[in-house]
Each structure stands twice: as structure tokens, then as C-alpha cells.
Amino acid sequence: MTTKYQGFSKQMVEILHKHNIQFSSFDIFSDEEVRQGLKTYSNWPTYPQLYVSGELIGGLDIIKELEATEELDKICPKAPKLEERLKVLTNKASVMLFMKGNKQHLSGVHFFLLPNFVS
């Protein structure tokens, strides 16, 4: 069952997705100390709270106003296009392996490189 509070967060996420804004999130229900402390830190009593580059932008009402005036797109960075993401990913290390799963899950599996024999 969705509470009205989760509904506010859902609306915020929908707005950010609609504008192709890349973001991360923190579940305030997972840490009561953060949940209460952020209200004091930000001097903003309600959730959700949107921050851009560490600066509080506001809650849902403010974000809706920014969306209506087209200011939201100017304030929030867009998610990079696929080509840019691929360029960053392929250059993340000098040798980059794209694979199913991750190398930590393969612990205990040994790989042997065999030389290429040319006749």
C-alpha cells in the first residue's frame, strides 16, 4: 500500500524521469538518524528533498513550480546519452572487460590464457 508520503516521492521520481535527469536517491526510512538530521541540516521539514550539487532545491511543490517555468531543465543535469556513456565506460580502465556478472562473483574460478600458436 502506498502512503501519501511515498506518493510524493513517486511524483518526484516521475518528474525527474520525465525530464531525463540523472539522479541518485537515499531511502530515509532506512536510517532514522539521517531522516531526522536532514530536516535540521536543510531547515526543510518534509520529504522528498531534492539536492543538486549539494544544494537544497526544495520539495515536490518547488520542483513542480520549476517544471512549470521550465527552470528544472536548467538546474538539473541530464542523463548522458548512450554514446557518451559508452565512451566513458570503454575508457574506464586501460583494459576493460564487458561481461555477464562481475569478477567478484567469479572468485574461485581460474582463467588461463593460452598462447596463440600460428603454424
C-alpha atoms as a PDB file:
ATOM      1  CA  MET A   1       0.000   0.000   0.000  1.00  0.00           C
ATOM      2  CA  THR A   2       1.382   3.406  -0.984  1.00  0.00           C
ATOM      3  CA  THR A   3       1.078   6.177   1.578  1.00  0.00           C
ATOM      4  CA  LYS A   4       0.639   9.786   0.503  1.00  0.00           C
ATOM      5  CA  TYR A   5       4.243  10.377   1.558  1.00  0.00           C
ATOM      6  CA  GLN A   6       5.525   7.663  -0.744  1.00  0.00           C
ATOM      7  CA  GLY A   7       3.206   9.158  -3.343  1.00  0.00           C
ATOM      8  CA  PHE A   8       5.061  12.478  -3.092  1.00  0.00           C
ATOM      9  CA  SER A   9       8.367  10.697  -3.623  1.00  0.00           C
ATOM     10  CA  LYS A  10       6.865   8.762  -6.538  1.00  0.00           C
ATOM     11  CA  GLN A  11       5.726  12.025  -8.136  1.00  0.00           C
ATOM     12  CA  MET A  12       9.210  13.491  -7.704  1.00  0.00           C
ATOM     13  CA  VAL A  13      10.813  10.429  -9.339  1.00  0.00           C
ATOM     14  CA  GLU A  14       8.313  10.600 -12.212  1.00  0.00           C
ATOM     15  CA  ILE A  15       9.158  14.269 -12.831  1.00  0.00           C
ATOM     16  CA  LEU A  16      12.898  13.578 -12.794  1.00  0.00           C
ATOM     17  CA  HIS A  17      12.478  10.629 -15.176  1.00  0.00           C
ATOM     18  CA  LYS A  18      10.221  12.654 -17.472  1.00  0.00           C
ATOM     19  CA  HIS A  19      12.989  15.243 -17.799  1.00  0.00           C
ATOM     20  CA  ASN A  20      15.706  12.605 -18.276  1.00  0.00           C
ATOM     21  CA  ILE A  21      17.512  13.839 -15.163  1.00  0.00           C
ATOM     22  CA  GLN A  22      20.190  11.545 -13.792  1.00  0.00           C
ATOM     23  CA  PHE A  23      19.930  11.189 -10.028  1.00  0.00           C
ATOM     24  CA  SER A  24      20.709   9.026  -7.066  1.00  0.00           C
ATOM     25  CA  SER A  25      18.459   8.527  -4.054  1.00  0.00           C
ATOM     26  CA  PHE A  26      18.542   7.615  -0.373  1.00  0.00           C
ATOM     27  CA  ASP A  27      15.717   5.826   1.447  1.00  0.00           C
ATOM     28  CA  ILE A  28      15.155   7.914   4.576  1.00  0.00           C
ATOM     29  CA  PHE A  29      13.204   5.037   6.127  1.00  0.00           C
ATOM     30  CA  SER A  30      16.442   3.037   6.187  1.00  0.00           C
ATOM     31  CA  ASP A  31      18.157   5.404   8.657  1.00  0.00           C
ATOM     32  CA  GLU A  32      16.135   7.276  11.270  1.00  0.00           C
ATOM     33  CA  GLU A  33      19.127   9.398  12.286  1.00  0.00           C
ATOM     34  CA  VAL A  34      19.555  10.670   8.717  1.00  0.00           C
ATOM     35  CA  ARG A  35      15.800  11.104   8.370  1.00  0.00           C
ATOM     36  CA  GLN A  36      15.602  13.410  11.395  1.00  0.00           C
ATOM     37  CA  GLY A  37      19.009  15.021  10.983  1.00  0.00           C
ATOM     38  CA  LEU A  38      18.442  16.095   7.392  1.00  0.00           C
ATOM     39  CA  LYS A  39      15.370  18.079   8.423  1.00  0.00           C
ATOM     40  CA  THR A  40      17.576  20.158  10.737  1.00  0.00           C
ATOM     41  CA  TYR A  41      20.511  20.312   8.324  1.00  0.00           C
ATOM     42  CA  SER A  42      18.341  21.555   5.468  1.00  0.00           C
ATOM     43  CA  ASN A  43      15.886  23.534   7.577  1.00  0.00           C
ATOM     44  CA  TRP A  44      13.218  21.778   5.488  1.00  0.00           C
ATOM     45  CA  PRO A  45      10.703  19.704   7.479  1.00  0.00           C
ATOM     46  CA  THR A  46       9.262  17.442   4.783  1.00  0.00           C
ATOM     47  CA  TYR A  47      10.285  14.827   2.240  1.00  0.00           C
ATOM     48  CA  PRO A  48      11.155  14.377  -0.544  1.00  0.00           C
ATOM     49  CA  GLN A  49      14.012  16.875  -0.676  1.00  0.00           C
ATOM     50  CA  LEU A  50      15.897  17.423  -3.926  1.00  0.00           C
ATOM     51  CA  TYR A  51      19.550  18.489  -3.849  1.00  0.00           C
ATOM     52  CA  VAL A  52      21.654  19.487  -6.848  1.00  0.00           C
ATOM     53  CA  SER A  53      25.420  19.619  -6.309  1.00  0.00           C
ATOM     54  CA  GLY A  54      24.851  19.513  -2.541  1.00  0.00           C
ATOM     55  CA  GLU A  55      22.425  22.447  -2.522  1.00  0.00           C
ATOM     56  CA  LEU A  56      18.796  22.009  -1.467  1.00  0.00           C
ATOM     57  CA  ILE A  57      16.466  22.914  -4.313  1.00  0.00           C
ATOM     58  CA  GLY A  58      13.261  22.074  -2.460  1.00  0.00           C
ATOM     59  CA  GLY A  59      10.402  19.659  -2.097  1.00  0.00           C
ATOM     60  CA  LEU A  60       7.754  18.482  -4.514  1.00  0.00           C
ATOM     61  CA  ASP A  61       5.870  21.799  -4.688  1.00  0.00           C
ATOM     62  CA  ILE A  62       9.058  23.700  -5.583  1.00  0.00           C
ATOM     63  CA  ILE A  63      10.027  21.087  -8.185  1.00  0.00           C
ATOM     64  CA  LYS A  64       6.557  21.316  -9.762  1.00  0.00           C
ATOM     65  CA  GLU A  65       6.935  25.114  -9.948  1.00  0.00           C
ATOM     66  CA  LEU A  66      10.395  24.766 -11.514  1.00  0.00           C
ATOM     67  CA  GLU A  67       8.981  22.273 -14.008  1.00  0.00           C
ATOM     68  CA  ALA A  68       6.112  24.609 -14.933  1.00  0.00           C
ATOM     69  CA  THR A  69       8.511  27.513 -15.560  1.00  0.00           C
ATOM     70  CA  GLU A  70      10.971  25.263 -17.438  1.00  0.00           C
ATOM     71  CA  GLU A  71      13.689  26.107 -14.892  1.00  0.00           C
ATOM     72  CA  LEU A  72      14.070  22.488 -13.796  1.00  0.00           C
ATOM     73  CA  ASP A  73      15.859  21.571 -17.029  1.00  0.00           C
ATOM     74  CA  LYS A  74      18.336  24.412 -16.486  1.00  0.00           C
ATOM     75  CA  ILE A  75      19.115  23.431 -12.877  1.00  0.00           C
ATOM     76  CA  CYS A  76      19.418  19.640 -13.129  1.00  0.00           C
ATOM     77  CA  PRO A  77      21.992  17.781 -15.206  1.00  0.00           C
ATOM     78  CA  LYS A  78      20.599  15.450 -17.839  1.00  0.00           C
ATOM     79  CA  ALA A  79      21.459  11.778 -18.027  1.00  0.00           C
ATOM     80  CA  PRO A  80      24.198  11.305 -20.608  1.00  0.00           C
ATOM     81  CA  LYS A  81      23.226   9.909 -23.990  1.00  0.00           C
ATOM     82  CA  LEU A  82      24.157   6.287 -24.696  1.00  0.00           C
ATOM     83  CA  GLU A  83      27.119   7.174 -26.915  1.00  0.00           C
ATOM     84  CA  GLU A  84      28.649   9.327 -24.162  1.00  0.00           C
ATOM     85  CA  ARG A  85      28.041   6.625 -21.542  1.00  0.00           C
ATOM     86  CA  LEU A  86      29.710   4.034 -23.778  1.00  0.00           C
ATOM     87  CA  LYS A  87      32.694   6.323 -24.374  1.00  0.00           C
ATOM     88  CA  VAL A  88      33.159   6.760 -20.614  1.00  0.00           C
ATOM     89  CA  LEU A  89      32.662   3.058 -19.879  1.00  0.00           C
ATOM     90  CA  THR A  90      35.065   1.833 -22.564  1.00  0.00           C
ATOM     91  CA  ASN A  91      37.740   4.206 -21.250  1.00  0.00           C
ATOM     92  CA  LYS A  92      37.195   3.451 -17.558  1.00  0.00           C
ATOM     93  CA  ALA A  93      40.407   1.404 -17.431  1.00  0.00           C
ATOM     94  CA  SER A  94      43.216   0.680 -19.862  1.00  0.00           C
ATOM     95  CA  VAL A  95      41.814  -2.845 -20.214  1.00  0.00           C
ATOM     96  CA  MET A  96      38.038  -3.025 -19.927  1.00  0.00           C
ATOM     97  CA  LEU A  97      36.060  -6.296 -19.938  1.00  0.00           C
ATOM     98  CA  PHE A  98      32.307  -6.223 -20.514  1.00  0.00           C
ATOM     99  CA  MET A  99      30.795  -9.436 -19.190  1.00  0.00           C
ATOM    100  CA  LYS A 100      27.742 -11.007 -17.636  1.00  0.00           C
ATOM    101  CA  GLY A 101      28.003 -10.702 -13.855  1.00  0.00           C
ATOM    102  CA  ASN A 102      31.024  -9.247 -12.110  1.00  0.00           C
ATOM    103  CA  LYS A 103      34.505 -10.509 -11.345  1.00  0.00           C
ATOM    104  CA  GLN A 104      33.803 -10.780  -7.593  1.00  0.00           C
ATOM    105  CA  HIS A 105      31.165 -13.429  -8.307  1.00  0.00           C
ATOM    106  CA  LEU A 106      33.754 -15.402 -10.219  1.00  0.00           C
ATOM    107  CA  SER A 107      36.141 -15.824  -7.277  1.00  0.00           C
ATOM    108  CA  GLY A 108      37.448 -19.342  -7.234  1.00  0.00           C
ATOM    109  CA  VAL A 109      37.127 -19.614 -10.997  1.00  0.00           C
ATOM    110  CA  HIS A 110      40.521 -19.622 -12.660  1.00  0.00           C
ATOM    111  CA  PHE A 111      41.170 -18.383 -16.143  1.00  0.00           C
ATOM    112  CA  PHE A 112      44.158 -19.481 -18.161  1.00  0.00           C
ATOM    113  CA  LEU A 113      45.385 -17.582 -21.155  1.00  0.00           C
ATOM    114  CA  LEU A 114      46.749 -19.882 -23.803  1.00  0.00           C
ATOM    115  CA  PRO A 115      49.234 -18.577 -26.342  1.00  0.00           C
ATOM    116  CA  ASN A 116      48.080 -18.305 -29.913  1.00  0.00           C
ATOM    117  CA  PHE A 117      50.019 -20.843 -31.927  1.00  0.00           C
ATOM    118  CA  VAL A 118      50.444 -19.906 -35.533  1.00  0.00           C
ATOM    119  CA  SER A 119      51.643 -22.622 -37.920  1.00  0.00           C
END
